[in-house]
Amino acid sequence: MWALILHGGATDIKPDEEVAYRRGCRNAMNIGAKFLREGRSAVDAVVEVVKSLEDNPIFNAGYGSAQREDGNIEM
């Protein structure tokens, strides 16, 4: 038995971007689940999930930083 949990980050999602965020998370989950169903390692599944999020421009994964509410950049 396995479980896969992910999140698309902590940000305010604009109403017109909600579908894209959900689609991106679902796609990443499906990629990870496929790897796990095939008996591949959890590490391989996580790597592919992260790559999927990094390749999706709706997320800021892979950019390394985000602007905080106070205007400072935090990694």
C-alpha atoms as a PDB file:
ATOM      1  CA  MET A   1       0.000   0.000   0.000  1.00  0.00           C
ATOM      2  CA  TRP A   2       1.255   3.479  -0.811  1.00  0.00           C
ATOM      3  CA  ALA A   3      -0.007   7.033  -0.624  1.00  0.00           C
ATOM      4  CA  LEU A   4       1.026  10.150  -2.489  1.00  0.00           C
ATOM      5  CA  ILE A   5       0.371  13.656  -1.208  1.00  0.00           C
ATOM      6  CA  LEU A   6       1.421  16.903  -2.845  1.00  0.00           C
ATOM      7  CA  HIS A   7       0.525  20.546  -2.805  1.00  0.00           C
ATOM      8  CA  GLY A   8       0.981  23.264  -5.349  1.00  0.00           C
ATOM      9  CA  GLY A   9       2.483  25.791  -2.954  1.00  0.00           C
ATOM     10  CA  ALA A  10       1.189  28.378  -0.575  1.00  0.00           C
ATOM     11  CA  THR A  11      -0.191  31.345  -2.453  1.00  0.00           C
ATOM     12  CA  ASP A  12      -3.374  33.203  -3.161  1.00  0.00           C
ATOM     13  CA  ILE A  13      -4.893  31.581  -6.230  1.00  0.00           C
ATOM     14  CA  LYS A  14      -6.780  33.944  -8.497  1.00  0.00           C
ATOM     15  CA  PRO A  15     -10.220  32.652  -9.455  1.00  0.00           C
ATOM     16  CA  ASP A  16      -9.283  32.533 -13.142  1.00  0.00           C
ATOM     17  CA  GLU A  17      -6.231  30.335 -12.322  1.00  0.00           C
ATOM     18  CA  GLU A  18      -7.970  27.826 -10.056  1.00  0.00           C
ATOM     19  CA  VAL A  19      -8.693  25.298 -12.807  1.00  0.00           C
ATOM     20  CA  ALA A  20      -5.074  25.427 -14.012  1.00  0.00           C
ATOM     21  CA  TYR A  21      -3.764  24.884 -10.469  1.00  0.00           C
ATOM     22  CA  ARG A  22      -6.051  21.914  -9.928  1.00  0.00           C
ATOM     23  CA  ARG A  23      -5.164  20.469 -13.319  1.00  0.00           C
ATOM     24  CA  GLY A  24      -1.446  20.865 -12.617  1.00  0.00           C
ATOM     25  CA  CYS A  25      -1.706  19.158  -9.233  1.00  0.00           C
ATOM     26  CA  ARG A  26      -3.837  16.356 -10.657  1.00  0.00           C
ATOM     27  CA  ASN A  27      -1.390  15.828 -13.501  1.00  0.00           C
ATOM     28  CA  ALA A  28       1.567  15.673 -11.108  1.00  0.00           C
ATOM     29  CA  MET A  29      -0.318  13.224  -8.864  1.00  0.00           C
ATOM     30  CA  ASN A  30      -1.137  11.013 -11.833  1.00  0.00           C
ATOM     31  CA  ILE A  31       2.519  10.943 -12.856  1.00  0.00           C
ATOM     32  CA  GLY A  32       3.619   9.957  -9.361  1.00  0.00           C
ATOM     33  CA  ALA A  33       0.861   7.371  -9.022  1.00  0.00           C
ATOM     34  CA  LYS A  34       1.843   5.793 -12.333  1.00  0.00           C
ATOM     35  CA  PHE A  35       5.421   5.360 -11.140  1.00  0.00           C
ATOM     36  CA  LEU A  36       4.261   3.814  -7.857  1.00  0.00           C
ATOM     37  CA  ARG A  37       1.742   1.489  -9.561  1.00  0.00           C
ATOM     38  CA  GLU A  38       4.583   0.269 -11.789  1.00  0.00           C
ATOM     39  CA  GLY A  39       6.552  -0.680  -8.665  1.00  0.00           C
ATOM     40  CA  ARG A  40       9.135   2.070  -9.139  1.00  0.00           C
ATOM     41  CA  SER A  41      10.748   3.643  -6.112  1.00  0.00           C
ATOM     42  CA  ALA A  42       9.161   6.421  -4.097  1.00  0.00           C
ATOM     43  CA  VAL A  43      12.213   8.573  -4.852  1.00  0.00           C
ATOM     44  CA  ASP A  44      11.663   8.131  -8.600  1.00  0.00           C
ATOM     45  CA  ALA A  45       7.996   9.051  -8.184  1.00  0.00           C
ATOM     46  CA  VAL A  46       8.819  12.184  -6.175  1.00  0.00           C
ATOM     47  CA  VAL A  47      11.428  13.294  -8.706  1.00  0.00           C
ATOM     48  CA  GLU A  48       8.920  13.002 -11.538  1.00  0.00           C
ATOM     49  CA  VAL A  49       6.212  14.813  -9.552  1.00  0.00           C
ATOM     50  CA  VAL A  50       8.565  17.702  -8.803  1.00  0.00           C
ATOM     51  CA  LYS A  51       9.705  17.857 -12.441  1.00  0.00           C
ATOM     52  CA  SER A  52       6.072  18.066 -13.509  1.00  0.00           C
ATOM     53  CA  LEU A  53       5.432  20.990 -11.144  1.00  0.00           C
ATOM     54  CA  GLU A  54       8.661  22.713 -12.220  1.00  0.00           C
ATOM     55  CA  ASP A  55       7.720  22.372 -15.893  1.00  0.00           C
ATOM     56  CA  ASN A  56       4.266  23.871 -15.327  1.00  0.00           C
ATOM     57  CA  PRO A  57       4.382  27.692 -15.514  1.00  0.00           C
ATOM     58  CA  ILE A  58       1.349  28.099 -13.233  1.00  0.00           C
ATOM     59  CA  PHE A  59       3.559  27.094 -10.288  1.00  0.00           C
ATOM     60  CA  ASN A  60       6.727  28.806  -9.109  1.00  0.00           C
ATOM     61  CA  ALA A  61       8.437  25.476  -8.399  1.00  0.00           C
ATOM     62  CA  GLY A  62      12.034  25.515  -9.526  1.00  0.00           C
ATOM     63  CA  TYR A  63      12.375  29.282  -9.342  1.00  0.00           C
ATOM     64  CA  GLY A  64      13.558  29.136  -5.756  1.00  0.00           C
ATOM     65  CA  SER A  65      12.002  32.210  -4.200  1.00  0.00           C
ATOM     66  CA  ALA A  66       8.735  33.963  -3.617  1.00  0.00           C
ATOM     67  CA  GLN A  67       7.851  37.437  -2.504  1.00  0.00           C
ATOM     68  CA  ARG A  68       6.385  37.563   0.984  1.00  0.00           C
ATOM     69  CA  GLU A  69       3.475  39.770   1.950  1.00  0.00           C
ATOM     70  CA  ASP A  70       5.946  42.318   3.392  1.00  0.00           C
ATOM     71  CA  GLY A  71       7.685  42.593  -0.007  1.00  0.00           C
ATOM     72  CA  ASN A  72      10.847  40.698   0.961  1.00  0.00           C
ATOM     73  CA  ILE A  73      12.021  37.697  -1.023  1.00  0.00           C
ATOM     74  CA  GLU A  74      12.275  34.464   0.915  1.00  0.00           C
ATOM     75  CA  MET A  75      13.592  31.099  -0.146  1.00  0.00           C
END
